[in-house]
Amino acid sequence: MKEDLKYTLMVIGMIVSWSIYYAVSKVVVSATGSPLLAGFLLRSAALVFLTVQLLADGNFSRLFHQGKAVRILLIIGVFGFLLDLFANLGYANGDLSTGTALLKTDVLMVNLATVMLYHKRLYISDWIGTAVMLLGVLLVLGVDFAGMSIHVTDLYFLLSALCVSINAFIIKAAQEKYHEDADMISYYNNAVVLILFAGSAVLAGDLHLPQNMGAGFWWLVTLGGLAQTGIYFFYYRNLKHFEVWLVKLYLLLMPVLSCFIGVFFLNEELTVKKLLGILVVLAGAAVILLRARINHEGRPVREN
């Protein structure tokens, strides 16, 4: 019972952290006018929190004794950067609604990989629940289905979704094969992404501190860094405990919380379409959570 409560809280922590980071990053990107600079600032703040965490746990010295595992840790960081880069390239050259929809295909990619590559069993109810949740998320995000248009540059969105999917499985492999813990993976991932954001910002001429931002801006950057640290902490531990496809489905609840954050803190409007989307997401989630009863089996698939 305590174990169930622990991982319920871990899932909630993951969703809350990701929702806060999503909301804060939108504001920081808008304030700086540069996704590259915003990424650099937020990852820099996260680096401070991650360093404090390792120092407090007495694990900082382990960063320099990773042996062969360093290669997979660096690969995780590269894919972490690529997923952001491809998404930004897609938004710079494509349609917002189309991009939002295509980025969510990572859920379907993970489901397919789970069945075809890892030979895991997913029931029809799992696919139905996934599809229903995905539809609800797109409604919450305000995707304009009628106005969607397809361009060659939209392939960037699919590449971003592919990177997200691949990275999740690489992280799980690092945990299972190399027995890496979440904190080591987090630190290396953040450090690699930070370096790549810095290099890209230099090449783009964006690496300069914003002027006249005030204390409020820097508090937001700090909050974003803390939220990013929370993502690392909860997401990686959930990936170790649950199967990847289930973690990805839990993350589909994130736009629902982000919607309420936008309403209460960013002056966004809660429309009928968004409310309908929230209900649809919750209906899909109910199908997934009740998979044991629907299919007359045990609890949702997870790993210890």
C-alpha atoms as a PDB file:
ATOM      1  CA  MET A   1       0.000   0.000   0.000  1.00  0.00           C
ATOM      2  CA  LYS A   2       2.824   2.388   0.885  1.00  0.00           C
ATOM      3  CA  GLU A   3       4.566   1.490  -2.388  1.00  0.00           C
ATOM      4  CA  ASP A   4       1.421   2.341  -4.387  1.00  0.00           C
ATOM      5  CA  LEU A   5       1.097   5.679  -2.581  1.00  0.00           C
ATOM      6  CA  LYS A   6       4.775   6.430  -3.180  1.00  0.00           C
ATOM      7  CA  TYR A   7       4.533   5.989  -6.942  1.00  0.00           C
ATOM      8  CA  THR A   8       1.200   7.744  -7.159  1.00  0.00           C
ATOM      9  CA  LEU A   9       2.933  10.764  -5.629  1.00  0.00           C
ATOM     10  CA  MET A  10       5.869  10.276  -8.019  1.00  0.00           C
ATOM     11  CA  VAL A  11       3.520  10.412 -11.007  1.00  0.00           C
ATOM     12  CA  ILE A  12       1.773  13.506  -9.601  1.00  0.00           C
ATOM     13  CA  GLY A  13       5.164  15.151  -8.994  1.00  0.00           C
ATOM     14  CA  MET A  14       6.180  14.436 -12.583  1.00  0.00           C
ATOM     15  CA  ILE A  15       2.999  15.938 -14.018  1.00  0.00           C
ATOM     16  CA  VAL A  16       3.174  19.026 -11.778  1.00  0.00           C
ATOM     17  CA  SER A  17       6.870  19.626 -12.518  1.00  0.00           C
ATOM     18  CA  TRP A  18       6.378  19.311 -16.260  1.00  0.00           C
ATOM     19  CA  SER A  19       3.310  21.562 -16.215  1.00  0.00           C
ATOM     20  CA  ILE A  20       5.132  24.312 -14.308  1.00  0.00           C
ATOM     21  CA  TYR A  21       8.158  24.040 -16.593  1.00  0.00           C
ATOM     22  CA  TYR A  22       5.951  24.245 -19.693  1.00  0.00           C
ATOM     23  CA  ALA A  23       4.198  27.379 -18.422  1.00  0.00           C
ATOM     24  CA  VAL A  24       7.409  29.087 -17.263  1.00  0.00           C
ATOM     25  CA  SER A  25       9.341  28.272 -20.440  1.00  0.00           C
ATOM     26  CA  LYS A  26       6.600  29.879 -22.544  1.00  0.00           C
ATOM     27  CA  VAL A  27       6.972  33.113 -20.570  1.00  0.00           C
ATOM     28  CA  VAL A  28      10.795  33.038 -20.640  1.00  0.00           C
ATOM     29  CA  VAL A  29      10.931  32.375 -24.394  1.00  0.00           C
ATOM     30  CA  SER A  30       8.517  35.245 -24.966  1.00  0.00           C
ATOM     31  CA  ALA A  31      10.508  37.588 -22.697  1.00  0.00           C
ATOM     32  CA  THR A  32      13.898  36.801 -24.270  1.00  0.00           C
ATOM     33  CA  GLY A  33      12.690  36.397 -27.836  1.00  0.00           C
ATOM     34  CA  SER A  34      15.033  33.423 -28.217  1.00  0.00           C
ATOM     35  CA  PRO A  35      14.263  29.741 -27.535  1.00  0.00           C
ATOM     36  CA  LEU A  36      18.017  29.082 -27.488  1.00  0.00           C
ATOM     37  CA  LEU A  37      18.731  31.713 -24.845  1.00  0.00           C
ATOM     38  CA  ALA A  38      15.691  30.638 -22.824  1.00  0.00           C
ATOM     39  CA  GLY A  39      16.867  27.027 -22.942  1.00  0.00           C
ATOM     40  CA  PHE A  40      20.351  28.065 -21.833  1.00  0.00           C
ATOM     41  CA  LEU A  41      19.026  30.099 -18.888  1.00  0.00           C
ATOM     42  CA  LEU A  42      16.602  27.433 -17.671  1.00  0.00           C
ATOM     43  CA  ARG A  43      19.160  24.634 -17.932  1.00  0.00           C
ATOM     44  CA  SER A  44      21.731  26.815 -16.143  1.00  0.00           C
ATOM     45  CA  ALA A  45      19.314  27.273 -13.252  1.00  0.00           C
ATOM     46  CA  ALA A  46      18.635  23.524 -13.230  1.00  0.00           C
ATOM     47  CA  LEU A  47      22.389  22.864 -13.099  1.00  0.00           C
ATOM     48  CA  VAL A  48      22.605  24.821  -9.842  1.00  0.00           C
ATOM     49  CA  PHE A  49      19.809  22.774  -8.231  1.00  0.00           C
ATOM     50  CA  LEU A  50      21.208  19.480  -9.512  1.00  0.00           C
ATOM     51  CA  THR A  51      24.663  20.348  -8.175  1.00  0.00           C
ATOM     52  CA  VAL A  52      23.269  21.248  -4.748  1.00  0.00           C
ATOM     53  CA  GLN A  53      21.319  17.976  -4.713  1.00  0.00           C
ATOM     54  CA  LEU A  54      24.396  15.847  -5.477  1.00  0.00           C
ATOM     55  CA  LEU A  55      26.520  17.728  -2.944  1.00  0.00           C
ATOM     56  CA  ALA A  56      23.858  17.288  -0.265  1.00  0.00           C
ATOM     57  CA  ASP A  57      23.637  13.556  -1.009  1.00  0.00           C
ATOM     58  CA  GLY A  58      27.413  13.183  -1.073  1.00  0.00           C
ATOM     59  CA  ASN A  59      27.297  11.825  -4.622  1.00  0.00           C
ATOM     60  CA  PHE A  60      28.987  14.640  -6.558  1.00  0.00           C
ATOM     61  CA  SER A  61      32.301  12.766  -6.885  1.00  0.00           C
ATOM     62  CA  ARG A  62      30.495   9.909  -8.649  1.00  0.00           C
ATOM     63  CA  LEU A  63      30.097  12.148 -11.692  1.00  0.00           C
ATOM     64  CA  PHE A  64      33.750  11.506 -12.529  1.00  0.00           C
ATOM     65  CA  HIS A  65      33.658   7.717 -12.095  1.00  0.00           C
ATOM     66  CA  GLN A  66      31.096   6.536 -14.634  1.00  0.00           C
ATOM     67  CA  GLY A  67      33.391   4.399 -16.810  1.00  0.00           C
ATOM     68  CA  LYS A  68      31.812   3.052 -19.997  1.00  0.00           C
ATOM     69  CA  ALA A  69      28.411   4.381 -18.943  1.00  0.00           C
ATOM     70  CA  VAL A  70      29.584   7.885 -19.908  1.00  0.00           C
ATOM     71  CA  ARG A  71      28.819   7.136 -23.555  1.00  0.00           C
ATOM     72  CA  ILE A  72      25.170   6.320 -23.002  1.00  0.00           C
ATOM     73  CA  LEU A  73      24.819   9.298 -20.638  1.00  0.00           C
ATOM     74  CA  LEU A  74      26.166  11.618 -23.345  1.00  0.00           C
ATOM     75  CA  ILE A  75      23.845  10.062 -25.933  1.00  0.00           C
ATOM     76  CA  ILE A  76      20.858  10.773 -23.664  1.00  0.00           C
ATOM     77  CA  GLY A  77      21.926  14.421 -23.490  1.00  0.00           C
ATOM     78  CA  VAL A  78      22.319  14.691 -27.266  1.00  0.00           C
ATOM     79  CA  PHE A  79      18.842  13.294 -27.857  1.00  0.00           C
ATOM     80  CA  GLY A  80      17.516  15.648 -25.176  1.00  0.00           C
ATOM     81  CA  PHE A  81      18.872  18.570 -27.145  1.00  0.00           C
ATOM     82  CA  LEU A  82      17.729  17.247 -30.538  1.00  0.00           C
ATOM     83  CA  LEU A  83      14.126  16.877 -29.434  1.00  0.00           C
ATOM     84  CA  ASP A  84      14.062  20.584 -28.511  1.00  0.00           C
ATOM     85  CA  LEU A  85      15.967  21.621 -31.650  1.00  0.00           C
ATOM     86  CA  PHE A  86      13.683  19.772 -34.057  1.00  0.00           C
ATOM     87  CA  ALA A  87      10.548  21.090 -32.336  1.00  0.00           C
ATOM     88  CA  ASN A  88      11.844  24.672 -32.568  1.00  0.00           C
ATOM     89  CA  LEU A  89      12.769  24.223 -36.243  1.00  0.00           C
ATOM     90  CA  GLY A  90       9.285  22.904 -36.903  1.00  0.00           C
ATOM     91  CA  TYR A  91       7.582  25.832 -35.185  1.00  0.00           C
ATOM     92  CA  ALA A  92       9.843  28.284 -37.029  1.00  0.00           C
ATOM     93  CA  ASN A  93       8.781  26.934 -40.416  1.00  0.00           C
ATOM     94  CA  GLY A  94       5.431  25.230 -39.888  1.00  0.00           C
ATOM     95  CA  ASP A  95       1.920  25.460 -38.547  1.00  0.00           C
ATOM     96  CA  LEU A  96       1.330  25.625 -34.786  1.00  0.00           C
ATOM     97  CA  SER A  97      -1.702  23.326 -34.725  1.00  0.00           C
ATOM     98  CA  THR A  98      -0.076  20.758 -36.992  1.00  0.00           C
ATOM     99  CA  GLY A  99       3.092  20.831 -34.905  1.00  0.00           C
ATOM    100  CA  THR A 100       1.245  20.396 -31.631  1.00  0.00           C
ATOM    101  CA  ALA A 101      -0.588  17.372 -33.008  1.00  0.00           C
ATOM    102  CA  LEU A 102       2.504  15.757 -34.547  1.00  0.00           C
ATOM    103  CA  LEU A 103       4.594  16.197 -31.384  1.00  0.00           C
ATOM    104  CA  LYS A 104       2.039  14.113 -29.490  1.00  0.00           C
ATOM    105  CA  THR A 105       2.613  11.155 -31.820  1.00  0.00           C
ATOM    106  CA  ASP A 106       5.445  10.146 -29.473  1.00  0.00           C
ATOM    107  CA  VAL A 107       2.771   8.331 -27.446  1.00  0.00           C
ATOM    108  CA  LEU A 108       1.834   6.191 -30.450  1.00  0.00           C
ATOM    109  CA  MET A 109       5.509   5.632 -31.320  1.00  0.00           C
ATOM    110  CA  VAL A 110       6.208   4.349 -27.820  1.00  0.00           C
ATOM    111  CA  ASN A 111       3.169   2.060 -27.947  1.00  0.00           C
ATOM    112  CA  LEU A 112       4.313   0.583 -31.272  1.00  0.00           C
ATOM    113  CA  ALA A 113       7.878   0.137 -30.015  1.00  0.00           C
ATOM    114  CA  THR A 114       6.571  -1.557 -26.891  1.00  0.00           C
ATOM    115  CA  VAL A 115       4.660  -4.115 -28.968  1.00  0.00           C
ATOM    116  CA  MET A 116       6.964  -4.607 -31.967  1.00  0.00           C
ATOM    117  CA  LEU A 117      10.459  -4.262 -30.475  1.00  0.00           C
ATOM    118  CA  TYR A 118       9.942  -5.231 -26.845  1.00  0.00           C
ATOM    119  CA  HIS A 119       7.177  -7.785 -27.446  1.00  0.00           C
ATOM    120  CA  LYS A 120       5.009  -6.440 -24.640  1.00  0.00           C
ATOM    121  CA  ARG A 121       1.280  -7.026 -24.698  1.00  0.00           C
ATOM    122  CA  LEU A 122      -1.083  -4.087 -25.049  1.00  0.00           C
ATOM    123  CA  TYR A 123      -4.816  -4.711 -25.024  1.00  0.00           C
ATOM    124  CA  ILE A 124      -7.368  -3.146 -27.332  1.00  0.00           C
ATOM    125  CA  SER A 125      -8.533  -1.139 -24.314  1.00  0.00           C
ATOM    126  CA  ASP A 126      -4.999   0.295 -24.002  1.00  0.00           C
ATOM    127  CA  TRP A 127      -5.054   1.505 -27.612  1.00  0.00           C
ATOM    128  CA  ILE A 128      -8.576   2.923 -27.197  1.00  0.00           C
ATOM    129  CA  GLY A 129      -7.580   4.707 -23.982  1.00  0.00           C
ATOM    130  CA  THR A 130      -4.460   6.081 -25.669  1.00  0.00           C
ATOM    131  CA  ALA A 131      -6.440   7.387 -28.654  1.00  0.00           C
ATOM    132  CA  VAL A 132      -9.110   8.970 -26.433  1.00  0.00           C
ATOM    133  CA  MET A 133      -6.521  10.672 -24.213  1.00  0.00           C
ATOM    134  CA  LEU A 134      -4.617  11.914 -27.266  1.00  0.00           C
ATOM    135  CA  LEU A 135      -7.789  13.412 -28.759  1.00  0.00           C
ATOM    136  CA  GLY A 136      -8.581  15.111 -25.462  1.00  0.00           C
ATOM    137  CA  VAL A 137      -5.061  16.552 -25.197  1.00  0.00           C
ATOM    138  CA  LEU A 138      -5.339  18.061 -28.674  1.00  0.00           C
ATOM    139  CA  LEU A 139      -8.657  19.670 -27.695  1.00  0.00           C
ATOM    140  CA  VAL A 140      -7.134  21.074 -24.494  1.00  0.00           C
ATOM    141  CA  LEU A 141      -4.195  22.471 -26.466  1.00  0.00           C
ATOM    142  CA  GLY A 142      -6.602  24.191 -28.826  1.00  0.00           C
ATOM    143  CA  VAL A 143      -5.489  22.424 -31.998  1.00  0.00           C
ATOM    144  CA  ASP A 144      -7.411  23.770 -34.996  1.00  0.00           C
ATOM    145  CA  PHE A 145      -8.193  20.589 -36.910  1.00  0.00           C
ATOM    146  CA  ALA A 146      -9.952  22.445 -39.726  1.00  0.00           C
ATOM    147  CA  GLY A 147      -7.073  24.864 -40.224  1.00  0.00           C
ATOM    148  CA  MET A 148      -4.302  22.286 -40.139  1.00  0.00           C
ATOM    149  CA  SER A 149      -2.003  22.137 -43.151  1.00  0.00           C
ATOM    150  CA  ILE A 150       0.869  19.806 -43.952  1.00  0.00           C
ATOM    151  CA  HIS A 151       4.316  21.026 -45.076  1.00  0.00           C
ATOM    152  CA  VAL A 152       7.635  19.321 -45.668  1.00  0.00           C
ATOM    153  CA  THR A 153       9.067  21.140 -42.647  1.00  0.00           C
ATOM    154  CA  ASP A 154       6.490  19.376 -40.447  1.00  0.00           C
ATOM    155  CA  LEU A 155       8.851  16.406 -40.599  1.00  0.00           C
ATOM    156  CA  TYR A 156      10.817  18.245 -37.918  1.00  0.00           C
ATOM    157  CA  PHE A 157       7.933  17.646 -35.513  1.00  0.00           C
ATOM    158  CA  LEU A 158       7.959  13.930 -36.250  1.00  0.00           C
ATOM    159  CA  LEU A 159      11.736  13.879 -35.735  1.00  0.00           C
ATOM    160  CA  SER A 160      11.267  15.593 -32.374  1.00  0.00           C
ATOM    161  CA  ALA A 161       8.622  13.052 -31.335  1.00  0.00           C
ATOM    162  CA  LEU A 162      10.935  10.256 -32.480  1.00  0.00           C
ATOM    163  CA  CYS A 163      13.802  11.654 -30.386  1.00  0.00           C
ATOM    164  CA  VAL A 164      11.552  11.860 -27.328  1.00  0.00           C
ATOM    165  CA  SER A 165      10.510   8.242 -27.804  1.00  0.00           C
ATOM    166  CA  ILE A 166      14.023   6.915 -28.415  1.00  0.00           C
ATOM    167  CA  ASN A 167      15.418   8.838 -25.466  1.00  0.00           C
ATOM    168  CA  ALA A 168      12.891   7.317 -23.075  1.00  0.00           C
ATOM    169  CA  PHE A 169      14.019   3.818 -24.019  1.00  0.00           C
ATOM    170  CA  ILE A 170      17.713   4.794 -23.859  1.00  0.00           C
ATOM    171  CA  ILE A 171      17.198   6.171 -20.348  1.00  0.00           C
ATOM    172  CA  LYS A 172      15.529   2.924 -19.308  1.00  0.00           C
ATOM    173  CA  ALA A 173      18.418   0.951 -20.864  1.00  0.00           C
ATOM    174  CA  ALA A 174      20.930   3.063 -18.904  1.00  0.00           C
ATOM    175  CA  GLN A 175      19.037   2.199 -15.731  1.00  0.00           C
ATOM    176  CA  GLU A 176      18.738  -1.516 -16.450  1.00  0.00           C
ATOM    177  CA  LYS A 177      22.004  -2.337 -18.262  1.00  0.00           C
ATOM    178  CA  TYR A 178      24.401   0.086 -16.595  1.00  0.00           C
ATOM    179  CA  HIS A 179      22.459   0.419 -13.333  1.00  0.00           C
ATOM    180  CA  GLU A 180      22.682   4.190 -13.544  1.00  0.00           C
ATOM    181  CA  ASP A 181      20.522   6.076 -11.082  1.00  0.00           C
ATOM    182  CA  ALA A 182      18.243   8.955 -11.950  1.00  0.00           C
ATOM    183  CA  ASP A 183      20.549  11.603 -10.468  1.00  0.00           C
ATOM    184  CA  MET A 184      23.583  10.695 -12.611  1.00  0.00           C
ATOM    185  CA  ILE A 185      21.469  10.534 -15.763  1.00  0.00           C
ATOM    186  CA  SER A 186      19.862  13.873 -14.865  1.00  0.00           C
ATOM    187  CA  TYR A 187      23.142  15.685 -14.327  1.00  0.00           C
ATOM    188  CA  TYR A 188      24.778  14.460 -17.518  1.00  0.00           C
ATOM    189  CA  ASN A 189      21.644  15.079 -19.561  1.00  0.00           C
ATOM    190  CA  ASN A 190      21.266  18.627 -18.289  1.00  0.00           C
ATOM    191  CA  ALA A 191      24.982  19.401 -18.706  1.00  0.00           C
ATOM    192  CA  VAL A 192      25.087  18.160 -22.323  1.00  0.00           C
ATOM    193  CA  VAL A 193      21.882  20.003 -23.270  1.00  0.00           C
ATOM    194  CA  LEU A 194      23.174  23.166 -21.565  1.00  0.00           C
ATOM    195  CA  ILE A 195      26.447  23.051 -23.523  1.00  0.00           C
ATOM    196  CA  LEU A 196      24.633  22.471 -26.808  1.00  0.00           C
ATOM    197  CA  PHE A 197      22.155  25.284 -26.094  1.00  0.00           C
ATOM    198  CA  ALA A 198      25.064  27.602 -25.291  1.00  0.00           C
ATOM    199  CA  GLY A 199      26.894  26.675 -28.488  1.00  0.00           C
ATOM    200  CA  SER A 200      23.763  27.107 -30.601  1.00  0.00           C
ATOM    201  CA  ALA A 201      22.986  30.453 -28.970  1.00  0.00           C
ATOM    202  CA  VAL A 202      26.533  31.657 -29.712  1.00  0.00           C
ATOM    203  CA  LEU A 203      26.222  30.650 -33.369  1.00  0.00           C
ATOM    204  CA  ALA A 204      22.838  32.396 -33.584  1.00  0.00           C
ATOM    205  CA  GLY A 205      24.157  35.510 -31.818  1.00  0.00           C
ATOM    206  CA  ASP A 206      21.610  35.087 -29.023  1.00  0.00           C
ATOM    207  CA  LEU A 207      23.884  34.430 -26.069  1.00  0.00           C
ATOM    208  CA  HIS A 208      23.577  37.751 -24.262  1.00  0.00           C
ATOM    209  CA  LEU A 209      21.780  38.483 -21.023  1.00  0.00           C
ATOM    210  CA  PRO A 210      18.442  40.222 -21.492  1.00  0.00           C
ATOM    211  CA  GLN A 211      18.332  43.848 -20.416  1.00  0.00           C
ATOM    212  CA  ASN A 212      15.886  45.458 -17.984  1.00  0.00           C
ATOM    213  CA  MET A 213      14.259  42.192 -16.989  1.00  0.00           C
ATOM    214  CA  GLY A 214      13.973  42.860 -13.274  1.00  0.00           C
ATOM    215  CA  ALA A 215      13.799  40.489 -10.335  1.00  0.00           C
ATOM    216  CA  GLY A 216      10.525  38.910 -11.472  1.00  0.00           C
ATOM    217  CA  PHE A 217      12.130  37.515 -14.609  1.00  0.00           C
ATOM    218  CA  TRP A 218      14.999  35.929 -12.696  1.00  0.00           C
ATOM    219  CA  TRP A 219      12.612  34.423 -10.165  1.00  0.00           C
ATOM    220  CA  LEU A 220      10.788  32.830 -13.105  1.00  0.00           C
ATOM    221  CA  VAL A 221      14.063  31.433 -14.452  1.00  0.00           C
ATOM    222  CA  THR A 222      14.798  30.035 -10.985  1.00  0.00           C
ATOM    223  CA  LEU A 223      11.323  28.462 -10.817  1.00  0.00           C
ATOM    224  CA  GLY A 224      11.841  26.998 -14.282  1.00  0.00           C
ATOM    225  CA  GLY A 225      15.181  25.518 -13.228  1.00  0.00           C
ATOM    226  CA  LEU A 226      13.571  24.001 -10.142  1.00  0.00           C
ATOM    227  CA  ALA A 227      10.748  22.553 -12.254  1.00  0.00           C
ATOM    228  CA  GLN A 228      13.282  21.095 -14.699  1.00  0.00           C
ATOM    229  CA  THR A 229      15.067  19.479 -11.743  1.00  0.00           C
ATOM    230  CA  GLY A 230      11.720  18.058 -10.634  1.00  0.00           C
ATOM    231  CA  ILE A 231      11.167  16.622 -14.105  1.00  0.00           C
ATOM    232  CA  TYR A 232      14.494  14.825 -13.923  1.00  0.00           C
ATOM    233  CA  PHE A 233      13.821  13.570 -10.413  1.00  0.00           C
ATOM    234  CA  PHE A 234      10.322  12.197 -10.985  1.00  0.00           C
ATOM    235  CA  TYR A 235      10.375  11.287 -14.705  1.00  0.00           C
ATOM    236  CA  TYR A 236      13.497   9.143 -14.538  1.00  0.00           C
ATOM    237  CA  ARG A 237      12.367   7.343 -11.400  1.00  0.00           C
ATOM    238  CA  ASN A 238       8.986   6.653 -12.982  1.00  0.00           C
ATOM    239  CA  LEU A 239      10.709   5.301 -16.099  1.00  0.00           C
ATOM    240  CA  LYS A 240      12.619   2.882 -13.907  1.00  0.00           C
ATOM    241  CA  HIS A 241       9.489   1.703 -12.095  1.00  0.00           C
ATOM    242  CA  PHE A 242       6.879   1.673 -14.884  1.00  0.00           C
ATOM    243  CA  GLU A 243       7.026   0.642 -18.501  1.00  0.00           C
ATOM    244  CA  VAL A 244       7.714   3.493 -20.928  1.00  0.00           C
ATOM    245  CA  TRP A 245       4.288   3.427 -22.583  1.00  0.00           C
ATOM    246  CA  LEU A 246       2.527   3.864 -19.256  1.00  0.00           C
ATOM    247  CA  VAL A 247       4.720   6.810 -18.226  1.00  0.00           C
ATOM    248  CA  LYS A 248       3.971   8.482 -21.563  1.00  0.00           C
ATOM    249  CA  LEU A 249       0.250   8.086 -20.973  1.00  0.00           C
ATOM    250  CA  TYR A 250       0.532   9.618 -17.522  1.00  0.00           C
ATOM    251  CA  LEU A 251       2.247  12.597 -19.157  1.00  0.00           C
ATOM    252  CA  LEU A 252      -0.822  13.185 -21.311  1.00  0.00           C
ATOM    253  CA  LEU A 253      -2.420  14.545 -18.131  1.00  0.00           C
ATOM    254  CA  MET A 254       0.150  17.333 -18.119  1.00  0.00           C
ATOM    255  CA  PRO A 255      -1.672  19.653 -20.593  1.00  0.00           C
ATOM    256  CA  VAL A 256      -4.746  19.490 -18.357  1.00  0.00           C
ATOM    257  CA  LEU A 257      -2.841  20.913 -15.390  1.00  0.00           C
ATOM    258  CA  SER A 258      -1.033  23.366 -17.703  1.00  0.00           C
ATOM    259  CA  CYS A 259      -4.428  24.587 -18.875  1.00  0.00           C
ATOM    260  CA  PHE A 260      -5.450  25.507 -15.321  1.00  0.00           C
ATOM    261  CA  ILE A 261      -2.051  27.124 -14.664  1.00  0.00           C
ATOM    262  CA  GLY A 262      -2.595  29.247 -17.762  1.00  0.00           C
ATOM    263  CA  VAL A 263      -6.072  30.244 -16.599  1.00  0.00           C
ATOM    264  CA  PHE A 264      -5.099  31.206 -13.048  1.00  0.00           C
ATOM    265  CA  PHE A 265      -1.638  32.695 -13.644  1.00  0.00           C
ATOM    266  CA  LEU A 266      -1.300  33.650 -17.321  1.00  0.00           C
ATOM    267  CA  ASN A 267      -4.748  35.160 -17.961  1.00  0.00           C
ATOM    268  CA  GLU A 268      -5.672  32.459 -20.474  1.00  0.00           C
ATOM    269  CA  GLU A 269      -9.313  31.625 -21.170  1.00  0.00           C
ATOM    270  CA  LEU A 270     -10.928  28.318 -20.171  1.00  0.00           C
ATOM    271  CA  THR A 271     -13.098  27.648 -23.223  1.00  0.00           C
ATOM    272  CA  VAL A 272     -15.825  25.076 -23.739  1.00  0.00           C
ATOM    273  CA  LYS A 273     -13.484  23.239 -26.119  1.00  0.00           C
ATOM    274  CA  LYS A 274     -10.800  22.987 -23.441  1.00  0.00           C
ATOM    275  CA  LEU A 275     -13.310  21.797 -20.844  1.00  0.00           C
ATOM    276  CA  LEU A 276     -14.521  19.139 -23.264  1.00  0.00           C
ATOM    277  CA  GLY A 277     -10.908  18.145 -23.879  1.00  0.00           C
ATOM    278  CA  ILE A 278     -10.289  17.757 -20.141  1.00  0.00           C
ATOM    279  CA  LEU A 279     -13.288  15.443 -19.813  1.00  0.00           C
ATOM    280  CA  VAL A 280     -12.121  13.393 -22.797  1.00  0.00           C
ATOM    281  CA  VAL A 281      -8.596  13.075 -21.358  1.00  0.00           C
ATOM    282  CA  LEU A 282      -9.977  11.899 -18.017  1.00  0.00           C
ATOM    283  CA  ALA A 283     -12.250   9.401 -19.774  1.00  0.00           C
ATOM    284  CA  GLY A 284      -9.278   7.947 -21.643  1.00  0.00           C
ATOM    285  CA  ALA A 285      -7.246   7.827 -18.432  1.00  0.00           C
ATOM    286  CA  ALA A 286     -10.073   5.927 -16.738  1.00  0.00           C
ATOM    287  CA  VAL A 287      -9.942   3.276 -19.479  1.00  0.00           C
ATOM    288  CA  ILE A 288      -6.200   2.834 -18.890  1.00  0.00           C
ATOM    289  CA  LEU A 289      -6.498   2.745 -15.108  1.00  0.00           C
ATOM    290  CA  LEU A 290      -9.311   0.182 -15.308  1.00  0.00           C
ATOM    291  CA  ARG A 291      -7.403  -2.054 -17.752  1.00  0.00           C
ATOM    292  CA  ALA A 292      -7.033  -4.690 -15.023  1.00  0.00           C
ATOM    293  CA  ARG A 293     -10.793  -5.028 -14.566  1.00  0.00           C
ATOM    294  CA  ILE A 294     -11.577  -4.646 -18.257  1.00  0.00           C
ATOM    295  CA  ASN A 295      -9.154  -7.406 -19.225  1.00  0.00           C
ATOM    296  CA  HIS A 296      -9.513  -9.455 -16.026  1.00  0.00           C
ATOM    297  CA  GLU A 297      -5.851  -9.179 -15.094  1.00  0.00           C
ATOM    298  CA  GLY A 298      -3.717  -7.688 -12.343  1.00  0.00           C
ATOM    299  CA  ARG A 299      -2.549  -4.140 -11.918  1.00  0.00           C
ATOM    300  CA  PRO A 300      -1.204  -1.905 -14.735  1.00  0.00           C
ATOM    301  CA  VAL A 301       2.025  -3.246 -16.178  1.00  0.00           C
ATOM    302  CA  ARG A 302       5.014  -1.940 -14.315  1.00  0.00           C
ATOM    303  CA  GLU A 303       8.496  -2.986 -13.348  1.00  0.00           C
ATOM    304  CA  ASN A 304      10.201  -2.961  -9.978  1.00  0.00           C
END
